[in-house]
Amino acid sequence: MSRSPAPAPTPAAPAARSRRELTVAVLLCALSGALSLSSSSQPWAEVTVTREAPLPPTSEVLTGGQAAPLVSACGLLLLAAALAVIAVRGAGRVAVGLLVAVAGGVLAWSGLRGATGGGGVDLADIGASVGLGGARLASDPVVGWPLLALVGGVLAVAAGLLVVLRGRGWPGMGRRYERPGAAARPAPAPARAPRAESEEDRHQAAWKALDRGDDPTV
């Protein structure tokens, strides 16, 4: 017994897949931006400055925005890109995808440096802030929040690559999908030709004229 051929995919399937891919890209951009901004406001490192005696040591907590200023900038850029992916189309969308991927790479690198203790902590800056140039510096990284930025960067890179590779075929803002196979609007029916006047019609017209007081022979 021969198998029946598999049904062909409907024309609406590619459109539905494009909408799903667009939704995933927008959500990844928004999520990575939110993770970046959340991480930038949290502590990334606890810095201890040991000063010359008899001055006691001092401690300072550096947030992600202080240790890695690009984290906040990348977060704002990714949130804006979530809207730009919807608003632009074609080559403009590919450019946005490249920008998202680059921002994700910068964000992931900053998070990795912060988690491994290689954040942008400068001894000269800390010493100047406390009024001493010969202070000794010890930095203890807070691993959790930099790792959150690292995760956000990986998600942003994935979103950027998805936009670059697949974004040209996605719908833009205000574009509507019509139902496939929709019937065209029917053309208006032609007007009927006037019917020829019969003998009975002429008799009825004469009687109506008499009822109105008119002379039908005129």
N, C-alpha and C. Protein backbone atom coordinates (compact mmCIF):
# COMPACT_ATOMS: atom_id res chain seq x y z
N MET A 1 0.86 -1.20 0.00
CA MET A 1 0.00 0.00 0.00
C MET A 1 0.89 1.24 0.00
N SER A 2 0.74 2.10 -0.98
CA SER A 2 1.59 3.28 -1.11
C SER A 2 1.17 4.37 -0.14
N ARG A 3 2.17 5.08 0.33
CA ARG A 3 1.89 6.17 1.26
C ARG A 3 1.40 7.39 0.50
N SER A 4 0.52 8.13 1.15
CA SER A 4 0.04 9.37 0.55
C SER A 4 1.10 10.45 0.72
N PRO A 5 1.27 11.34 -0.24
CA PRO A 5 2.30 12.39 -0.14
C PRO A 5 2.04 13.32 1.03
N ALA A 6 3.12 13.78 1.64
CA ALA A 6 2.99 14.71 2.78
C ALA A 6 2.40 16.02 2.32
N PRO A 7 1.56 16.64 3.14
CA PRO A 7 0.96 17.92 2.75
C PRO A 7 2.02 19.00 2.62
N ALA A 8 1.87 19.81 1.60
CA ALA A 8 2.81 20.91 1.37
C ALA A 8 2.62 21.99 2.43
N PRO A 9 3.69 22.68 2.85
CA PRO A 9 3.57 23.74 3.85
C PRO A 9 2.73 24.90 3.32
N THR A 10 1.92 25.43 4.18
CA THR A 10 1.05 26.54 3.81
C THR A 10 1.88 27.81 3.65
N PRO A 11 1.40 28.77 2.83
CA PRO A 11 2.15 30.03 2.67
C PRO A 11 2.29 30.82 3.96
N ALA A 12 1.43 30.56 4.95
CA ALA A 12 1.51 31.32 6.20
C ALA A 12 2.63 30.84 7.11
N ALA A 13 3.21 29.64 6.86
CA ALA A 13 4.25 29.10 7.75
C ALA A 13 5.50 29.97 7.77
N PRO A 14 6.07 30.40 6.63
CA PRO A 14 7.26 31.28 6.70
C PRO A 14 6.98 32.60 7.42
N ALA A 15 5.80 33.16 7.25
CA ALA A 15 5.47 34.42 7.93
C ALA A 15 5.40 34.22 9.44
N ALA A 16 4.81 33.10 9.87
CA ALA A 16 4.74 32.84 11.31
C ALA A 16 6.13 32.62 11.90
N ARG A 17 6.99 31.93 11.16
CA ARG A 17 8.35 31.71 11.64
C ARG A 17 9.12 33.02 11.73
N SER A 18 8.94 33.92 10.77
CA SER A 18 9.61 35.22 10.81
C SER A 18 9.17 36.02 12.02
N ARG A 19 7.86 35.97 12.32
CA ARG A 19 7.37 36.71 13.48
C ARG A 19 7.95 36.14 14.77
N ARG A 20 8.08 34.82 14.85
CA ARG A 20 8.67 34.21 16.06
C ARG A 20 10.14 34.60 16.21
N GLU A 21 10.87 34.58 15.12
CA GLU A 21 12.29 34.96 15.19
C GLU A 21 12.45 36.42 15.59
N LEU A 22 11.61 37.30 15.05
CA LEU A 22 11.66 38.71 15.41
C LEU A 22 11.36 38.89 16.90
N THR A 23 10.36 38.17 17.39
CA THR A 23 10.01 38.27 18.81
C THR A 23 11.16 37.80 19.69
N VAL A 24 11.80 36.70 19.32
CA VAL A 24 12.94 36.20 20.10
C VAL A 24 14.08 37.21 20.12
N ALA A 25 14.39 37.82 18.97
CA ALA A 25 15.48 38.79 18.91
C ALA A 25 15.19 40.01 19.78
N VAL A 26 13.96 40.50 19.73
CA VAL A 26 13.59 41.67 20.54
C VAL A 26 13.68 41.34 22.02
N LEU A 27 13.18 40.17 22.42
CA LEU A 27 13.22 39.79 23.83
C LEU A 27 14.66 39.60 24.31
N LEU A 28 15.53 39.03 23.47
CA LEU A 28 16.92 38.85 23.87
C LEU A 28 17.62 40.20 24.05
N CYS A 29 17.35 41.15 23.15
CA CYS A 29 17.94 42.48 23.30
C CYS A 29 17.47 43.16 24.57
N ALA A 30 16.17 43.10 24.83
CA ALA A 30 15.62 43.75 26.02
C ALA A 30 16.13 43.08 27.29
N LEU A 31 16.20 41.74 27.29
CA LEU A 31 16.66 41.03 28.48
C LEU A 31 18.13 41.31 28.76
N SER A 32 18.96 41.28 27.72
CA SER A 32 20.38 41.55 27.92
C SER A 32 20.61 42.99 28.40
N GLY A 33 19.83 43.94 27.87
CA GLY A 33 19.95 45.32 28.35
C GLY A 33 19.55 45.47 29.80
N ALA A 34 18.46 44.78 30.19
CA ALA A 34 18.02 44.85 31.59
C ALA A 34 19.05 44.21 32.52
N LEU A 35 19.62 43.08 32.12
CA LEU A 35 20.65 42.45 32.95
C LEU A 35 21.88 43.35 33.09
N SER A 36 22.24 44.02 32.01
CA SER A 36 23.39 44.90 32.06
C SER A 36 23.18 46.07 33.02
N LEU A 37 22.03 46.72 32.92
CA LEU A 37 21.76 47.86 33.80
C LEU A 37 21.62 47.42 35.25
N SER A 38 21.01 46.25 35.48
CA SER A 38 20.90 45.75 36.85
C SER A 38 22.27 45.47 37.44
N SER A 39 23.14 44.86 36.63
CA SER A 39 24.47 44.53 37.12
C SER A 39 25.32 45.78 37.38
N SER A 40 25.14 46.81 36.54
CA SER A 40 25.99 48.00 36.67
C SER A 40 25.73 48.77 37.96
N SER A 41 24.56 48.61 38.55
CA SER A 41 24.25 49.33 39.78
C SER A 41 24.58 48.53 41.04
N GLN A 42 25.13 47.33 40.89
CA GLN A 42 25.45 46.47 42.03
C GLN A 42 26.96 46.42 42.26
N PRO A 43 27.38 46.01 43.49
CA PRO A 43 28.83 45.98 43.78
C PRO A 43 29.56 44.92 42.96
N TRP A 44 30.68 45.32 42.40
CA TRP A 44 31.54 44.42 41.63
C TRP A 44 32.84 44.11 42.36
N ALA A 45 33.30 44.99 43.21
CA ALA A 45 34.57 44.77 43.90
C ALA A 45 34.58 45.57 45.19
N GLU A 46 35.26 44.99 46.19
CA GLU A 46 35.49 45.69 47.45
C GLU A 46 36.98 45.99 47.53
N VAL A 47 37.29 47.25 47.53
CA VAL A 47 38.69 47.69 47.47
C VAL A 47 39.12 48.17 48.86
N THR A 48 40.26 47.67 49.31
CA THR A 48 40.84 48.08 50.59
C THR A 48 42.13 48.84 50.32
N VAL A 49 42.20 50.05 50.83
CA VAL A 49 43.38 50.90 50.66
C VAL A 49 44.12 50.96 51.99
N THR A 50 45.35 50.45 52.01
CA THR A 50 46.19 50.48 53.21
C THR A 50 47.11 51.69 53.13
N ARG A 51 46.91 52.60 54.07
CA ARG A 51 47.68 53.84 54.07
C ARG A 51 48.82 53.77 55.09
N GLU A 52 49.71 54.74 55.02
CA GLU A 52 50.84 54.77 55.95
C GLU A 52 50.36 55.06 57.36
N ALA A 53 51.04 54.42 58.32
CA ALA A 53 50.71 54.64 59.73
C ALA A 53 50.95 56.12 60.08
N PRO A 54 50.15 56.66 60.96
CA PRO A 54 49.15 56.00 61.80
C PRO A 54 47.74 55.98 61.19
N LEU A 55 47.62 56.21 59.89
CA LEU A 55 46.30 56.26 59.28
C LEU A 55 45.75 54.84 59.13
N PRO A 56 44.48 54.63 59.46
CA PRO A 56 43.90 53.29 59.33
C PRO A 56 43.56 52.99 57.87
N PRO A 57 43.42 51.71 57.52
CA PRO A 57 43.00 51.37 56.16
C PRO A 57 41.55 51.77 55.91
N THR A 58 41.26 52.03 54.69
CA THR A 58 39.89 52.37 54.29
C THR A 58 39.39 51.38 53.25
N SER A 59 38.08 51.23 53.19
CA SER A 59 37.46 50.30 52.25
C SER A 59 36.48 51.06 51.36
N GLU A 60 36.40 50.63 50.15
CA GLU A 60 35.51 51.25 49.16
C GLU A 60 34.86 50.15 48.33
N VAL A 61 33.57 50.27 48.12
CA VAL A 61 32.84 49.31 47.28
C VAL A 61 32.61 49.95 45.92
N LEU A 62 33.07 49.29 44.88
CA LEU A 62 32.91 49.79 43.51
C LEU A 62 31.75 49.07 42.84
N THR A 63 30.86 49.84 42.26
CA THR A 63 29.75 49.25 41.50
C THR A 63 30.22 48.90 40.10
N GLY A 64 29.34 48.21 39.37
CA GLY A 64 29.69 47.87 37.99
C GLY A 64 29.89 49.10 37.13
N GLY A 65 29.10 50.14 37.36
CA GLY A 65 29.27 51.36 36.58
C GLY A 65 30.59 52.05 36.85
N GLN A 66 31.14 51.89 38.07
CA GLN A 66 32.42 52.50 38.40
C GLN A 66 33.59 51.64 37.91
N ALA A 67 33.47 50.33 38.09
CA ALA A 67 34.55 49.44 37.69
C ALA A 67 34.62 49.25 36.17
N ALA A 68 33.47 49.25 35.53
CA ALA A 68 33.41 49.06 34.06
C ALA A 68 32.34 49.98 33.51
N PRO A 69 32.69 51.24 33.19
CA PRO A 69 31.68 52.21 32.74
C PRO A 69 30.94 51.80 31.47
N LEU A 70 31.55 50.96 30.64
CA LEU A 70 30.88 50.57 29.40
C LEU A 70 29.67 49.67 29.63
N VAL A 71 29.56 49.08 30.82
CA VAL A 71 28.44 48.18 31.09
C VAL A 71 27.12 48.95 31.03
N SER A 72 27.07 50.11 31.66
CA SER A 72 25.84 50.91 31.64
C SER A 72 25.53 51.38 30.23
N ALA A 73 26.56 51.81 29.49
CA ALA A 73 26.33 52.28 28.12
C ALA A 73 25.80 51.15 27.24
N CYS A 74 26.35 49.97 27.39
CA CYS A 74 25.87 48.83 26.60
C CYS A 74 24.43 48.48 26.95
N GLY A 75 24.07 48.58 28.21
CA GLY A 75 22.70 48.29 28.61
C GLY A 75 21.70 49.24 27.96
N LEU A 76 22.01 50.53 27.95
CA LEU A 76 21.12 51.49 27.30
C LEU A 76 21.04 51.26 25.80
N LEU A 77 22.19 50.93 25.20
CA LEU A 77 22.21 50.68 23.75
C LEU A 77 21.35 49.46 23.40
N LEU A 78 21.43 48.42 24.20
CA LEU A 78 20.67 47.20 23.90
C LEU A 78 19.16 47.42 24.06
N LEU A 79 18.76 48.21 25.03
CA LEU A 79 17.34 48.51 25.17
C LEU A 79 16.83 49.32 23.97
N ALA A 80 17.64 50.26 23.51
CA ALA A 80 17.25 51.02 22.32
C ALA A 80 17.23 50.13 21.08
N ALA A 81 18.15 49.17 21.02
CA ALA A 81 18.20 48.27 19.86
C ALA A 81 16.97 47.37 19.80
N ALA A 82 16.38 47.06 20.95
CA ALA A 82 15.17 46.23 20.94
C ALA A 82 14.04 46.90 20.16
N LEU A 83 13.97 48.22 20.23
CA LEU A 83 12.97 48.96 19.45
C LEU A 83 13.42 49.17 18.01
N ALA A 84 14.72 49.37 17.83
CA ALA A 84 15.23 49.63 16.47
C ALA A 84 15.08 48.40 15.58
N VAL A 85 15.19 47.20 16.14
CA VAL A 85 15.03 45.99 15.34
C VAL A 85 13.64 45.93 14.73
N ILE A 86 12.64 46.42 15.45
CA ILE A 86 11.27 46.42 14.93
C ILE A 86 11.07 47.54 13.92
N ALA A 87 11.70 48.70 14.18
CA ALA A 87 11.40 49.89 13.38
C ALA A 87 12.08 49.88 12.01
N VAL A 88 13.27 49.29 11.90
CA VAL A 88 14.01 49.34 10.64
C VAL A 88 13.90 48.00 9.92
N ARG A 89 14.27 48.03 8.64
CA ARG A 89 14.21 46.83 7.82
C ARG A 89 15.41 46.81 6.86
N GLY A 90 15.67 45.66 6.26
CA GLY A 90 16.70 45.55 5.25
C GLY A 90 18.09 45.76 5.80
N ALA A 91 18.89 46.57 5.09
CA ALA A 91 20.28 46.81 5.49
C ALA A 91 20.37 47.52 6.84
N GLY A 92 19.40 48.39 7.15
CA GLY A 92 19.41 49.06 8.44
C GLY A 92 19.28 48.08 9.59
N ARG A 93 18.47 47.05 9.40
CA ARG A 93 18.31 46.03 10.46
C ARG A 93 19.59 45.22 10.63
N VAL A 94 20.28 44.93 9.53
CA VAL A 94 21.55 44.21 9.63
C VAL A 94 22.58 45.05 10.40
N ALA A 95 22.59 46.36 10.14
CA ALA A 95 23.51 47.24 10.86
C ALA A 95 23.20 47.24 12.36
N VAL A 96 21.92 47.25 12.71
CA VAL A 96 21.55 47.18 14.12
C VAL A 96 22.01 45.86 14.73
N GLY A 97 21.87 44.77 13.97
CA GLY A 97 22.32 43.47 14.48
C GLY A 97 23.81 43.44 14.74
N LEU A 98 24.60 44.04 13.86
CA LEU A 98 26.04 44.11 14.08
C LEU A 98 26.37 44.93 15.32
N LEU A 99 25.66 46.03 15.51
CA LEU A 99 25.88 46.87 16.69
C LEU A 99 25.53 46.11 17.97
N VAL A 100 24.46 45.35 17.93
CA VAL A 100 24.06 44.55 19.10
C VAL A 100 25.11 43.50 19.42
N ALA A 101 25.63 42.84 18.39
CA ALA A 101 26.65 41.82 18.62
C ALA A 101 27.92 42.42 19.22
N VAL A 102 28.33 43.60 18.72
CA VAL A 102 29.53 44.25 19.27
C VAL A 102 29.29 44.67 20.72
N ALA A 103 28.12 45.23 21.00
CA ALA A 103 27.81 45.63 22.38
C ALA A 103 27.79 44.41 23.29
N GLY A 104 27.25 43.29 22.81
CA GLY A 104 27.25 42.08 23.61
C GLY A 104 28.66 41.57 23.89
N GLY A 105 29.54 41.68 22.89
CA GLY A 105 30.93 41.27 23.12
C GLY A 105 31.62 42.13 24.16
N VAL A 106 31.41 43.45 24.10
CA VAL A 106 32.00 44.35 25.09
C VAL A 106 31.45 44.06 26.48
N LEU A 107 30.15 43.81 26.54
CA LEU A 107 29.51 43.53 27.84
C LEU A 107 30.03 42.21 28.42
N ALA A 108 30.14 41.18 27.58
CA ALA A 108 30.64 39.89 28.07
C ALA A 108 32.09 40.00 28.54
N TRP A 109 32.92 40.74 27.80
CA TRP A 109 34.32 40.92 28.20
C TRP A 109 34.43 41.67 29.51
N SER A 110 33.61 42.70 29.70
CA SER A 110 33.64 43.46 30.96
C SER A 110 33.21 42.57 32.13
N GLY A 111 32.15 41.77 31.91
CA GLY A 111 31.71 40.87 32.98
C GLY A 111 32.75 39.83 33.32
N LEU A 112 33.44 39.30 32.30
CA LEU A 112 34.48 38.30 32.55
C LEU A 112 35.64 38.90 33.32
N ARG A 113 36.04 40.10 32.96
CA ARG A 113 37.14 40.76 33.69
C ARG A 113 36.74 41.05 35.13
N GLY A 114 35.49 41.49 35.33
CA GLY A 114 35.06 41.77 36.69
C GLY A 114 34.97 40.52 37.55
N ALA A 115 34.55 39.39 36.96
CA ALA A 115 34.43 38.15 37.72
C ALA A 115 35.78 37.56 38.08
N THR A 116 36.80 37.81 37.26
CA THR A 116 38.13 37.26 37.51
C THR A 116 39.04 38.24 38.24
N GLY A 117 38.48 39.38 38.67
CA GLY A 117 39.30 40.34 39.42
C GLY A 117 40.13 41.25 38.56
N GLY A 118 39.86 41.28 37.25
CA GLY A 118 40.64 42.13 36.36
C GLY A 118 39.89 43.37 35.94
N GLY A 119 39.01 43.88 36.80
CA GLY A 119 38.23 45.06 36.45
C GLY A 119 39.09 46.30 36.38
N GLY A 120 38.46 47.37 35.96
CA GLY A 120 39.23 48.61 35.73
C GLY A 120 39.46 49.38 37.02
N VAL A 121 40.14 48.78 38.02
CA VAL A 121 40.47 49.45 39.27
C VAL A 121 41.88 49.99 39.15
N ASP A 122 42.02 51.29 39.25
CA ASP A 122 43.32 51.95 39.07
C ASP A 122 43.81 52.46 40.41
N LEU A 123 45.05 52.07 40.79
CA LEU A 123 45.63 52.49 42.06
C LEU A 123 45.77 54.00 42.13
N ALA A 124 46.15 54.62 41.02
CA ALA A 124 46.33 56.08 41.02
C ALA A 124 45.02 56.79 41.31
N ASP A 125 43.92 56.28 40.73
CA ASP A 125 42.63 56.92 40.97
C ASP A 125 42.20 56.76 42.43
N ILE A 126 42.38 55.55 43.00
CA ILE A 126 41.99 55.35 44.40
C ILE A 126 42.86 56.18 45.33
N GLY A 127 44.17 56.20 45.05
CA GLY A 127 45.06 56.99 45.90
C GLY A 127 44.73 58.46 45.85
N ALA A 128 44.39 58.96 44.67
CA ALA A 128 44.03 60.37 44.55
C ALA A 128 42.73 60.68 45.29
N SER A 129 41.81 59.72 45.30
CA SER A 129 40.52 59.96 45.95
C SER A 129 40.64 60.05 47.46
N VAL A 130 41.64 59.38 48.05
CA VAL A 130 41.83 59.45 49.50
C VAL A 130 42.94 60.42 49.88
N GLY A 131 43.59 61.05 48.91
CA GLY A 131 44.61 62.05 49.20
C GLY A 131 45.99 61.51 49.41
N LEU A 132 46.24 60.24 49.06
CA LEU A 132 47.56 59.65 49.23
C LEU A 132 47.99 58.97 47.94
N GLY A 133 49.25 59.19 47.55
CA GLY A 133 49.74 58.57 46.34
C GLY A 133 50.48 57.27 46.59
N GLY A 134 50.92 56.99 47.83
CA GLY A 134 51.71 55.79 48.10
C GLY A 134 50.91 54.70 48.78
N ALA A 135 49.61 54.69 48.65
CA ALA A 135 48.78 53.69 49.32
C ALA A 135 48.88 52.36 48.59
N ARG A 136 48.68 51.26 49.37
CA ARG A 136 48.65 49.92 48.79
C ARG A 136 47.18 49.51 48.60
N LEU A 137 46.95 48.84 47.52
CA LEU A 137 45.57 48.53 47.12
C LEU A 137 45.37 47.02 47.11
N ALA A 138 44.24 46.57 47.67
CA ALA A 138 43.83 45.17 47.61
C ALA A 138 42.38 45.13 47.16
N SER A 139 42.10 44.35 46.14
CA SER A 139 40.76 44.29 45.55
C SER A 139 40.19 42.89 45.71
N ASP A 140 38.97 42.81 46.21
CA ASP A 140 38.27 41.52 46.38
C ASP A 140 37.03 41.55 45.49
N PRO A 141 37.02 40.84 44.37
CA PRO A 141 35.87 40.92 43.45
C PRO A 141 34.63 40.25 44.01
N VAL A 142 33.48 40.81 43.67
CA VAL A 142 32.18 40.19 43.94
C VAL A 142 31.76 39.49 42.65
N VAL A 143 31.79 38.17 42.66
CA VAL A 143 31.71 37.43 41.40
C VAL A 143 30.30 37.44 40.80
N GLY A 144 29.27 37.42 41.63
CA GLY A 144 27.90 37.20 41.13
C GLY A 144 27.43 38.23 40.13
N TRP A 145 27.61 39.51 40.43
CA TRP A 145 27.08 40.55 39.55
C TRP A 145 27.85 40.69 38.25
N PRO A 146 29.17 40.57 38.23
CA PRO A 146 29.84 40.52 36.92
C PRO A 146 29.41 39.34 36.06
N LEU A 147 29.14 38.20 36.69
CA LEU A 147 28.66 37.06 35.91
C LEU A 147 27.30 37.36 35.27
N LEU A 148 26.48 38.16 35.95
CA LEU A 148 25.19 38.55 35.37
C LEU A 148 25.41 39.38 34.11
N ALA A 149 26.39 40.26 34.15
CA ALA A 149 26.73 41.04 32.94
C ALA A 149 27.28 40.12 31.85
N LEU A 150 28.05 39.12 32.24
CA LEU A 150 28.58 38.16 31.26
C LEU A 150 27.44 37.41 30.56
N VAL A 151 26.45 36.98 31.32
CA VAL A 151 25.29 36.29 30.73
C VAL A 151 24.54 37.24 29.78
N GLY A 152 24.35 38.49 30.21
CA GLY A 152 23.70 39.45 29.34
C GLY A 152 24.46 39.67 28.05
N GLY A 153 25.79 39.69 28.13
CA GLY A 153 26.59 39.86 26.91
C GLY A 153 26.44 38.68 25.96
N VAL A 154 26.42 37.47 26.50
CA VAL A 154 26.25 36.29 25.64
C VAL A 154 24.89 36.32 24.95
N LEU A 155 23.85 36.70 25.69
CA LEU A 155 22.51 36.80 25.08
C LEU A 155 22.48 37.87 23.99
N ALA A 156 23.17 38.98 24.21
CA ALA A 156 23.19 40.04 23.21
C ALA A 156 23.93 39.60 21.95
N VAL A 157 25.02 38.86 22.10
CA VAL A 157 25.72 38.36 20.92
C VAL A 157 24.83 37.42 20.13
N ALA A 158 24.10 36.55 20.84
CA ALA A 158 23.17 35.64 20.14
C ALA A 158 22.08 36.41 19.42
N ALA A 159 21.55 37.46 20.06
CA ALA A 159 20.52 38.27 19.41
C ALA A 159 21.07 38.98 18.18
N GLY A 160 22.28 39.53 18.29
CA GLY A 160 22.86 40.22 17.15
C GLY A 160 23.11 39.31 15.96
N LEU A 161 23.61 38.11 16.22
CA LEU A 161 23.83 37.17 15.13
C LEU A 161 22.52 36.73 14.49
N LEU A 162 21.49 36.56 15.31
CA LEU A 162 20.18 36.19 14.76
C LEU A 162 19.64 37.29 13.85
N VAL A 163 19.81 38.54 14.26
CA VAL A 163 19.33 39.65 13.43
C VAL A 163 20.12 39.74 12.13
N VAL A 164 21.43 39.56 12.21
CA VAL A 164 22.27 39.67 11.01
C VAL A 164 21.94 38.56 10.01
N LEU A 165 21.77 37.33 10.51
CA LEU A 165 21.58 36.19 9.61
C LEU A 165 20.16 36.06 9.09
N ARG A 166 19.18 36.47 9.89
CA ARG A 166 17.79 36.21 9.53
C ARG A 166 16.93 37.46 9.43
N GLY A 167 17.48 38.61 9.79
CA GLY A 167 16.64 39.80 9.95
C GLY A 167 16.09 40.39 8.68
N ARG A 168 16.72 40.15 7.53
CA ARG A 168 16.24 40.77 6.30
C ARG A 168 14.83 40.33 5.92
N GLY A 169 14.46 39.12 6.26
CA GLY A 169 13.14 38.63 5.88
C GLY A 169 12.05 38.87 6.91
N TRP A 170 12.37 39.55 7.99
CA TRP A 170 11.37 39.79 9.03
C TRP A 170 10.49 40.98 8.67
N PRO A 171 9.27 41.01 9.20
CA PRO A 171 8.39 42.16 8.93
C PRO A 171 8.87 43.39 9.68
N GLY A 172 8.47 44.55 9.17
CA GLY A 172 8.81 45.81 9.83
C GLY A 172 7.60 46.37 10.55
N MET A 173 7.78 47.53 11.14
CA MET A 173 6.70 48.19 11.87
C MET A 173 5.57 48.58 10.93
N GLY A 174 4.34 48.24 11.27
CA GLY A 174 3.19 48.60 10.48
C GLY A 174 2.88 47.66 9.34
N ARG A 175 3.69 46.62 9.13
CA ARG A 175 3.43 45.70 8.04
C ARG A 175 2.41 44.66 8.49
N ARG A 176 1.45 44.37 7.64
CA ARG A 176 0.40 43.42 7.94
C ARG A 176 0.49 42.24 6.99
N TYR A 177 0.18 41.09 7.55
CA TYR A 177 0.15 39.88 6.73
C TYR A 177 -1.29 39.63 6.27
N GLU A 178 -1.47 39.53 4.97
CA GLU A 178 -2.78 39.23 4.45
C GLU A 178 -3.00 37.73 4.46
N ARG A 179 -4.26 37.31 4.59
CA ARG A 179 -4.58 35.90 4.58
C ARG A 179 -4.30 35.33 3.21
N PRO A 180 -3.50 34.25 3.14
CA PRO A 180 -3.18 33.70 1.83
C PRO A 180 -4.43 33.18 1.14
N GLY A 181 -4.51 33.39 -0.18
CA GLY A 181 -5.64 32.90 -0.95
C GLY A 181 -6.91 33.69 -0.76
N ALA A 182 -6.76 34.91 -0.23
CA ALA A 182 -7.96 35.71 -0.01
C ALA A 182 -8.57 36.10 -1.35
N ALA A 183 -9.89 36.02 -1.42
CA ALA A 183 -10.58 36.32 -2.67
C ALA A 183 -10.56 37.81 -2.93
N ALA A 184 -10.45 38.16 -4.21
CA ALA A 184 -10.47 39.57 -4.58
C ALA A 184 -11.88 40.11 -4.48
N ARG A 185 -11.98 41.41 -4.30
CA ARG A 185 -13.29 42.04 -4.18
C ARG A 185 -14.03 41.91 -5.52
N PRO A 186 -15.27 41.41 -5.50
CA PRO A 186 -15.99 41.22 -6.77
C PRO A 186 -16.30 42.55 -7.43
N ALA A 187 -16.26 42.53 -8.76
CA ALA A 187 -16.56 43.74 -9.53
C ALA A 187 -18.06 44.02 -9.48
N PRO A 188 -18.43 45.30 -9.50
CA PRO A 188 -19.86 45.62 -9.45
C PRO A 188 -20.58 45.07 -10.69
N ALA A 189 -21.83 44.63 -10.46
CA ALA A 189 -22.63 44.07 -11.55
C ALA A 189 -23.02 45.17 -12.53
N PRO A 190 -23.03 44.88 -13.84
CA PRO A 190 -23.40 45.90 -14.84
C PRO A 190 -24.87 46.30 -14.69
N ALA A 191 -25.12 47.58 -14.98
CA ALA A 191 -26.49 48.09 -14.86
C ALA A 191 -27.39 47.43 -15.91
N ARG A 192 -28.66 47.20 -15.52
CA ARG A 192 -29.62 46.58 -16.44
C ARG A 192 -30.05 47.56 -17.53
N ALA A 193 -30.26 47.04 -18.73
CA ALA A 193 -30.78 47.87 -19.83
C ALA A 193 -32.26 48.16 -19.59
N PRO A 194 -32.72 49.36 -19.91
CA PRO A 194 -34.15 49.68 -19.70
C PRO A 194 -35.06 48.78 -20.55
N ARG A 195 -36.21 48.34 -19.92
CA ARG A 195 -37.15 47.46 -20.61
C ARG A 195 -38.02 48.26 -21.57
N ALA A 196 -38.26 47.66 -22.71
CA ALA A 196 -39.11 48.35 -23.71
C ALA A 196 -40.53 48.49 -23.19
N GLU A 197 -41.20 49.64 -23.51
CA GLU A 197 -42.56 49.93 -23.03
C GLU A 197 -43.57 49.09 -23.83
N SER A 198 -44.44 48.39 -23.12
CA SER A 198 -45.45 47.55 -23.78
C SER A 198 -46.76 48.32 -23.94
N GLU A 199 -47.73 47.66 -24.64
CA GLU A 199 -49.06 48.27 -24.84
C GLU A 199 -49.77 48.46 -23.52
N GLU A 200 -49.64 47.48 -22.61
CA GLU A 200 -50.30 47.58 -21.30
C GLU A 200 -49.73 48.74 -20.50
N ASP A 201 -48.41 48.97 -20.61
CA ASP A 201 -47.82 50.10 -19.90
C ASP A 201 -48.37 51.44 -20.40
N ARG A 202 -48.62 51.53 -21.72
CA ARG A 202 -49.17 52.78 -22.27
C ARG A 202 -50.59 53.00 -21.78
N HIS A 203 -51.43 51.91 -21.68
CA HIS A 203 -52.80 52.07 -21.17
C HIS A 203 -52.80 52.53 -19.72
N GLN A 204 -51.90 51.95 -18.91
CA GLN A 204 -51.84 52.35 -17.50
C GLN A 204 -51.39 53.80 -17.36
N ALA A 205 -50.49 54.22 -18.23
CA ALA A 205 -50.06 55.61 -18.18
C ALA A 205 -51.16 56.57 -18.56
N ALA A 206 -52.03 56.14 -19.51
CA ALA A 206 -53.16 57.01 -19.90
C ALA A 206 -54.14 57.15 -18.77
N TRP A 207 -54.48 56.03 -18.08
CA TRP A 207 -55.42 56.12 -16.95
C TRP A 207 -54.84 56.97 -15.82
N LYS A 208 -53.59 56.87 -15.56
CA LYS A 208 -52.96 57.69 -14.51
C LYS A 208 -53.01 59.17 -14.87
N ALA A 209 -52.85 59.47 -16.18
CA ALA A 209 -52.95 60.86 -16.62
C ALA A 209 -54.35 61.41 -16.42
N LEU A 210 -55.41 60.57 -16.72
CA LEU A 210 -56.80 60.99 -16.50
C LEU A 210 -57.05 61.25 -15.04
N ASP A 211 -56.51 60.37 -14.16
CA ASP A 211 -56.71 60.58 -12.72
C ASP A 211 -56.10 61.88 -12.27
N ARG A 212 -55.01 62.33 -12.88
CA ARG A 212 -54.38 63.60 -12.48
C ARG A 212 -55.04 64.80 -13.11
N GLY A 213 -56.00 64.53 -14.06
CA GLY A 213 -56.66 65.62 -14.73
C GLY A 213 -55.98 66.05 -16.00
N ASP A 214 -55.05 65.25 -16.52
CA ASP A 214 -54.32 65.60 -17.73
C ASP A 214 -55.01 64.92 -18.92
N ASP A 215 -54.80 65.49 -20.10
CA ASP A 215 -55.34 64.92 -21.32
C ASP A 215 -54.29 63.99 -21.91
N PRO A 216 -54.52 62.68 -21.94
CA PRO A 216 -53.49 61.76 -22.43
C PRO A 216 -53.27 61.84 -23.93
N THR A 217 -54.19 62.52 -24.70
CA THR A 217 -53.99 62.59 -26.15
C THR A 217 -53.08 63.72 -26.56
N VAL A 218 -52.76 64.62 -25.59
CA VAL A 218 -51.90 65.76 -25.92
C VAL A 218 -50.46 65.26 -26.02
